[in-house]
Amino acid sequence: MAFASFFFAAWFITTAFLMMPKKLSIIENTFVFMVILIININWGWIVYESMERIELTEEGMIYTAFLLLRSVIIPVILITQLNLVHKSNMIFVVLVSLIILLFLSSLSAILNIADYVKWNLGFDAIYYLLLHVIAYYSLLLIRKIADREVTYT
């Protein structure tokens, strides 16, 4: 059930991102995706393995659901949010994406993907807010670098 739920979520979110009109270029989307992916994987390694705050499942298919959440769902939600911010209210879009991410974190706990030992959803909320800030500033960084590149050539 866990794999099917997270596979459907990854498929749905990725399809929604691919079908929506994008305000960001493919380079900007790719850069932000890669930055969020690198931060998310390293953060997960620190919290899950080094600090042992959250215990992950040992079952293969359920662990694959965790990998889908970490490596596909979270970065795609964040780049979708960045593409939507240009069309509507930033606070509303960030709040909706934060609620979706917290729902998926709760679902992972309910479906026994992750067992929160010394962790709670409040820490997840802070982490996801920080990821939103990092995604936004990495977008500003790539735009600044791209503008500088064009200006000096």
C-alpha atoms as a PDB file:
ATOM      1  CA  MET A   1       0.000   0.000   0.000  1.00  0.00           C
ATOM      2  CA  ALA A   2       2.847   2.401   0.803  1.00  0.00           C
ATOM      3  CA  PHE A   3       4.587   1.914  -2.526  1.00  0.00           C
ATOM      4  CA  ALA A   4       1.360   2.252  -4.491  1.00  0.00           C
ATOM      5  CA  SER A   5       0.381   5.432  -2.624  1.00  0.00           C
ATOM      6  CA  PHE A   6       3.726   7.138  -3.102  1.00  0.00           C
ATOM      7  CA  PHE A   7       4.098   5.923  -6.677  1.00  0.00           C
ATOM      8  CA  PHE A   8       0.711   7.453  -7.468  1.00  0.00           C
ATOM      9  CA  ALA A   9       1.694  10.686  -5.688  1.00  0.00           C
ATOM     10  CA  ALA A  10       4.979  10.866  -7.621  1.00  0.00           C
ATOM     11  CA  TRP A  11       3.215  10.147 -10.894  1.00  0.00           C
ATOM     12  CA  PHE A  12       0.456  12.689 -10.221  1.00  0.00           C
ATOM     13  CA  ILE A  13       2.778  15.477  -9.088  1.00  0.00           C
ATOM     14  CA  THR A  14       5.209  14.901 -11.955  1.00  0.00           C
ATOM     15  CA  THR A  15       2.384  14.832 -14.498  1.00  0.00           C
ATOM     16  CA  ALA A  16       0.885  18.009 -13.052  1.00  0.00           C
ATOM     17  CA  PHE A  17       4.285  19.697 -13.300  1.00  0.00           C
ATOM     18  CA  LEU A  18       4.814  18.567 -16.885  1.00  0.00           C
ATOM     19  CA  MET A  19       1.348  19.672 -17.995  1.00  0.00           C
ATOM     20  CA  MET A  20       1.338  23.110 -16.357  1.00  0.00           C
ATOM     21  CA  PRO A  21       2.547  26.210 -18.177  1.00  0.00           C
ATOM     22  CA  LYS A  22       5.963  27.007 -16.779  1.00  0.00           C
ATOM     23  CA  LYS A  23       7.242  30.472 -15.980  1.00  0.00           C
ATOM     24  CA  LEU A  24      10.783  29.252 -15.358  1.00  0.00           C
ATOM     25  CA  SER A  25      13.164  28.024 -18.024  1.00  0.00           C
ATOM     26  CA  ILE A  26      14.326  24.422 -18.184  1.00  0.00           C
ATOM     27  CA  ILE A  27      17.734  25.485 -16.876  1.00  0.00           C
ATOM     28  CA  GLU A  28      16.189  27.238 -13.873  1.00  0.00           C
ATOM     29  CA  ASN A  29      13.893  24.281 -13.136  1.00  0.00           C
ATOM     30  CA  THR A  30      16.771  21.820 -13.438  1.00  0.00           C
ATOM     31  CA  PHE A  31      19.098  23.875 -11.268  1.00  0.00           C
ATOM     32  CA  VAL A  32      16.545  24.278  -8.472  1.00  0.00           C
ATOM     33  CA  PHE A  33      15.602  20.589  -8.740  1.00  0.00           C
ATOM     34  CA  MET A  34      19.241  19.529  -8.384  1.00  0.00           C
ATOM     35  CA  VAL A  35      19.928  21.892  -5.462  1.00  0.00           C
ATOM     36  CA  ILE A  36      16.856  20.653  -3.584  1.00  0.00           C
ATOM     37  CA  LEU A  37      17.690  17.043  -4.401  1.00  0.00           C
ATOM     38  CA  ILE A  38      21.250  17.374  -3.085  1.00  0.00           C
ATOM     39  CA  ILE A  39      20.122  19.136   0.094  1.00  0.00           C
ATOM     40  CA  ASN A  40      17.284  16.678   0.646  1.00  0.00           C
ATOM     41  CA  ILE A  41      19.480  13.600   0.246  1.00  0.00           C
ATOM     42  CA  ASN A  42      22.188  14.974   2.527  1.00  0.00           C
ATOM     43  CA  TRP A  43      19.670  16.161   5.103  1.00  0.00           C
ATOM     44  CA  GLY A  44      18.052  12.743   5.049  1.00  0.00           C
ATOM     45  CA  TRP A  45      21.391  11.073   5.552  1.00  0.00           C
ATOM     46  CA  ILE A  46      22.129  13.274   8.578  1.00  0.00           C
ATOM     47  CA  VAL A  47      18.716  12.895  10.214  1.00  0.00           C
ATOM     48  CA  TYR A  48      18.111   9.216   9.423  1.00  0.00           C
ATOM     49  CA  GLU A  49      21.561   7.703   9.647  1.00  0.00           C
ATOM     50  CA  SER A  50      23.837   9.963  11.678  1.00  0.00           C
ATOM     51  CA  MET A  51      21.488  11.428  14.269  1.00  0.00           C
ATOM     52  CA  GLU A  52      19.081   8.457  14.254  1.00  0.00           C
ATOM     53  CA  ARG A  53      16.076  10.745  14.755  1.00  0.00           C
ATOM     54  CA  ILE A  54      13.893   8.783  12.346  1.00  0.00           C
ATOM     55  CA  GLU A  55      14.049   5.047  11.719  1.00  0.00           C
ATOM     56  CA  LEU A  56      13.342   3.846   8.204  1.00  0.00           C
ATOM     57  CA  THR A  57      11.790   0.568   7.202  1.00  0.00           C
ATOM     58  CA  GLU A  58      13.902  -2.372   6.106  1.00  0.00           C
ATOM     59  CA  GLU A  59      11.401  -3.724   3.549  1.00  0.00           C
ATOM     60  CA  GLY A  60      12.406  -3.138  -0.058  1.00  0.00           C
ATOM     61  CA  MET A  61       9.167  -1.916  -1.617  1.00  0.00           C
ATOM     62  CA  ILE A  62       8.343   0.321   1.313  1.00  0.00           C
ATOM     63  CA  TYR A  63      11.867   1.755   1.255  1.00  0.00           C
ATOM     64  CA  THR A  64      11.337   2.475  -2.445  1.00  0.00           C
ATOM     65  CA  ALA A  65       8.317   4.563  -1.431  1.00  0.00           C
ATOM     66  CA  PHE A  66      10.625   6.568   0.839  1.00  0.00           C
ATOM     67  CA  LEU A  67      13.059   7.050  -2.048  1.00  0.00           C
ATOM     68  CA  LEU A  68      10.212   8.317  -4.231  1.00  0.00           C
ATOM     69  CA  LEU A  69       9.259  10.831  -1.556  1.00  0.00           C
ATOM     70  CA  ARG A  70      12.819  12.008  -1.007  1.00  0.00           C
ATOM     71  CA  SER A  71      14.098  12.026  -4.561  1.00  0.00           C
ATOM     72  CA  VAL A  72      11.069  12.808  -6.714  1.00  0.00           C
ATOM     73  CA  ILE A  73       8.064  14.139  -4.831  1.00  0.00           C
ATOM     74  CA  ILE A  74       9.688  16.791  -2.627  1.00  0.00           C
ATOM     75  CA  PRO A  75      11.853  18.415  -5.353  1.00  0.00           C
ATOM     76  CA  VAL A  76       9.039  18.374  -7.931  1.00  0.00           C
ATOM     77  CA  ILE A  77       6.594  19.945  -5.459  1.00  0.00           C
ATOM     78  CA  LEU A  78       9.104  22.712  -4.805  1.00  0.00           C
ATOM     79  CA  ILE A  79       9.778  23.502  -8.464  1.00  0.00           C
ATOM     80  CA  THR A  80       6.035  23.371  -9.161  1.00  0.00           C
ATOM     81  CA  GLN A  81       5.536  25.834  -6.330  1.00  0.00           C
ATOM     82  CA  LEU A  82       8.174  28.156  -7.796  1.00  0.00           C
ATOM     83  CA  ASN A  83       6.455  28.054 -11.182  1.00  0.00           C
ATOM     84  CA  LEU A  84       3.081  28.837  -9.594  1.00  0.00           C
ATOM     85  CA  VAL A  85       4.344  31.687  -7.420  1.00  0.00           C
ATOM     86  CA  HIS A  86       4.603  33.957 -10.441  1.00  0.00           C
ATOM     87  CA  LYS A  87       0.895  33.565 -11.206  1.00  0.00           C
ATOM     88  CA  SER A  88      -0.694  33.847  -7.771  1.00  0.00           C
ATOM     89  CA  ASN A  89      -0.199  34.792  -4.135  1.00  0.00           C
ATOM     90  CA  MET A  90       3.164  33.527  -2.870  1.00  0.00           C
ATOM     91  CA  ILE A  91       2.013  32.885   0.701  1.00  0.00           C
ATOM     92  CA  PHE A  92      -0.975  30.822  -0.433  1.00  0.00           C
ATOM     93  CA  VAL A  93       1.110  28.678  -2.811  1.00  0.00           C
ATOM     94  CA  VAL A  94       3.824  28.074  -0.204  1.00  0.00           C
ATOM     95  CA  LEU A  95       1.194  27.197   2.400  1.00  0.00           C
ATOM     96  CA  VAL A  96      -0.512  24.697   0.078  1.00  0.00           C
ATOM     97  CA  SER A  97       2.781  23.029  -0.843  1.00  0.00           C
ATOM     98  CA  LEU A  98       3.763  22.936   2.848  1.00  0.00           C
ATOM     99  CA  ILE A  99       0.454  21.253   3.715  1.00  0.00           C
ATOM    100  CA  ILE A 100       0.951  18.694   0.935  1.00  0.00           C
ATOM    101  CA  LEU A 101       4.492  17.928   2.122  1.00  0.00           C
ATOM    102  CA  LEU A 102       3.352  17.569   5.738  1.00  0.00           C
ATOM    103  CA  PHE A 103       0.487  15.319   4.631  1.00  0.00           C
ATOM    104  CA  LEU A 104       2.960  13.095   2.777  1.00  0.00           C
ATOM    105  CA  SER A 105       5.244  13.001   5.832  1.00  0.00           C
ATOM    106  CA  SER A 106       2.282  11.995   8.004  1.00  0.00           C
ATOM    107  CA  LEU A 107       1.309   9.375   5.451  1.00  0.00           C
ATOM    108  CA  SER A 108       4.826   7.945   5.539  1.00  0.00           C
ATOM    109  CA  ALA A 109       4.556   7.609   9.315  1.00  0.00           C
ATOM    110  CA  ILE A 110       1.087   6.037   9.070  1.00  0.00           C
ATOM    111  CA  LEU A 111       2.220   3.538   6.427  1.00  0.00           C
ATOM    112  CA  ASN A 112       5.297   2.594   8.499  1.00  0.00           C
ATOM    113  CA  ILE A 113       7.833   3.985   6.051  1.00  0.00           C
ATOM    114  CA  ALA A 114       9.391   6.111   8.780  1.00  0.00           C
ATOM    115  CA  ASP A 115       9.153   5.823  12.552  1.00  0.00           C
ATOM    116  CA  TYR A 116       9.604   9.164  14.297  1.00  0.00           C
ATOM    117  CA  VAL A 117      11.831   8.409  17.276  1.00  0.00           C
ATOM    118  CA  LYS A 118      13.103  11.846  18.316  1.00  0.00           C
ATOM    119  CA  TRP A 119      11.318  13.828  15.628  1.00  0.00           C
ATOM    120  CA  ASN A 120       7.875  15.303  14.955  1.00  0.00           C
ATOM    121  CA  LEU A 121       5.914  17.076  12.243  1.00  0.00           C
ATOM    122  CA  GLY A 122       6.908  20.461  13.641  1.00  0.00           C
ATOM    123  CA  PHE A 123      10.520  19.746  12.745  1.00  0.00           C
ATOM    124  CA  ASP A 124       9.372  18.615   9.307  1.00  0.00           C
ATOM    125  CA  ALA A 125       7.444  21.873   8.881  1.00  0.00           C
ATOM    126  CA  ILE A 126      10.537  23.912   9.740  1.00  0.00           C
ATOM    127  CA  TYR A 127      12.644  21.834   7.366  1.00  0.00           C
ATOM    128  CA  TYR A 128      10.137  22.207   4.510  1.00  0.00           C
ATOM    129  CA  LEU A 129       9.916  25.962   5.082  1.00  0.00           C
ATOM    130  CA  LEU A 130      13.705  26.146   4.904  1.00  0.00           C
ATOM    131  CA  LEU A 131      13.604  24.110   1.688  1.00  0.00           C
ATOM    132  CA  HIS A 132      11.157  26.623   0.225  1.00  0.00           C
ATOM    133  CA  VAL A 133      13.503  29.472   1.138  1.00  0.00           C
ATOM    134  CA  ILE A 134      16.504  27.620  -0.312  1.00  0.00           C
ATOM    135  CA  ALA A 135      14.587  26.874  -3.516  1.00  0.00           C
ATOM    136  CA  TYR A 136      13.611  30.517  -3.908  1.00  0.00           C
ATOM    137  CA  TYR A 137      17.129  31.831  -3.283  1.00  0.00           C
ATOM    138  CA  SER A 138      18.708  29.230  -5.546  1.00  0.00           C
ATOM    139  CA  LEU A 139      16.355  30.474  -8.272  1.00  0.00           C
ATOM    140  CA  LEU A 140      17.506  34.031  -7.616  1.00  0.00           C
ATOM    141  CA  LEU A 141      21.125  32.846  -7.720  1.00  0.00           C
ATOM    142  CA  ILE A 142      20.798  31.120 -11.090  1.00  0.00           C
ATOM    143  CA  ARG A 143      19.035  34.164 -12.506  1.00  0.00           C
ATOM    144  CA  LYS A 144      21.781  36.457 -11.218  1.00  0.00           C
ATOM    145  CA  ILE A 145      24.468  34.222 -12.674  1.00  0.00           C
ATOM    146  CA  ALA A 146      22.614  33.995 -15.988  1.00  0.00           C
ATOM    147  CA  ASP A 147      22.233  37.794 -16.155  1.00  0.00           C
ATOM    148  CA  ARG A 148      25.899  38.277 -15.367  1.00  0.00           C
ATOM    149  CA  GLU A 149      26.853  35.719 -18.005  1.00  0.00           C
ATOM    150  CA  VAL A 150      24.892  37.510 -20.701  1.00  0.00           C
ATOM    151  CA  THR A 151      26.069  40.975 -19.621  1.00  0.00           C
ATOM    152  CA  TYR A 152      29.791  40.247 -19.834  1.00  0.00           C
ATOM    153  CA  THR A 153      29.903  38.381 -23.147  1.00  0.00           C
END
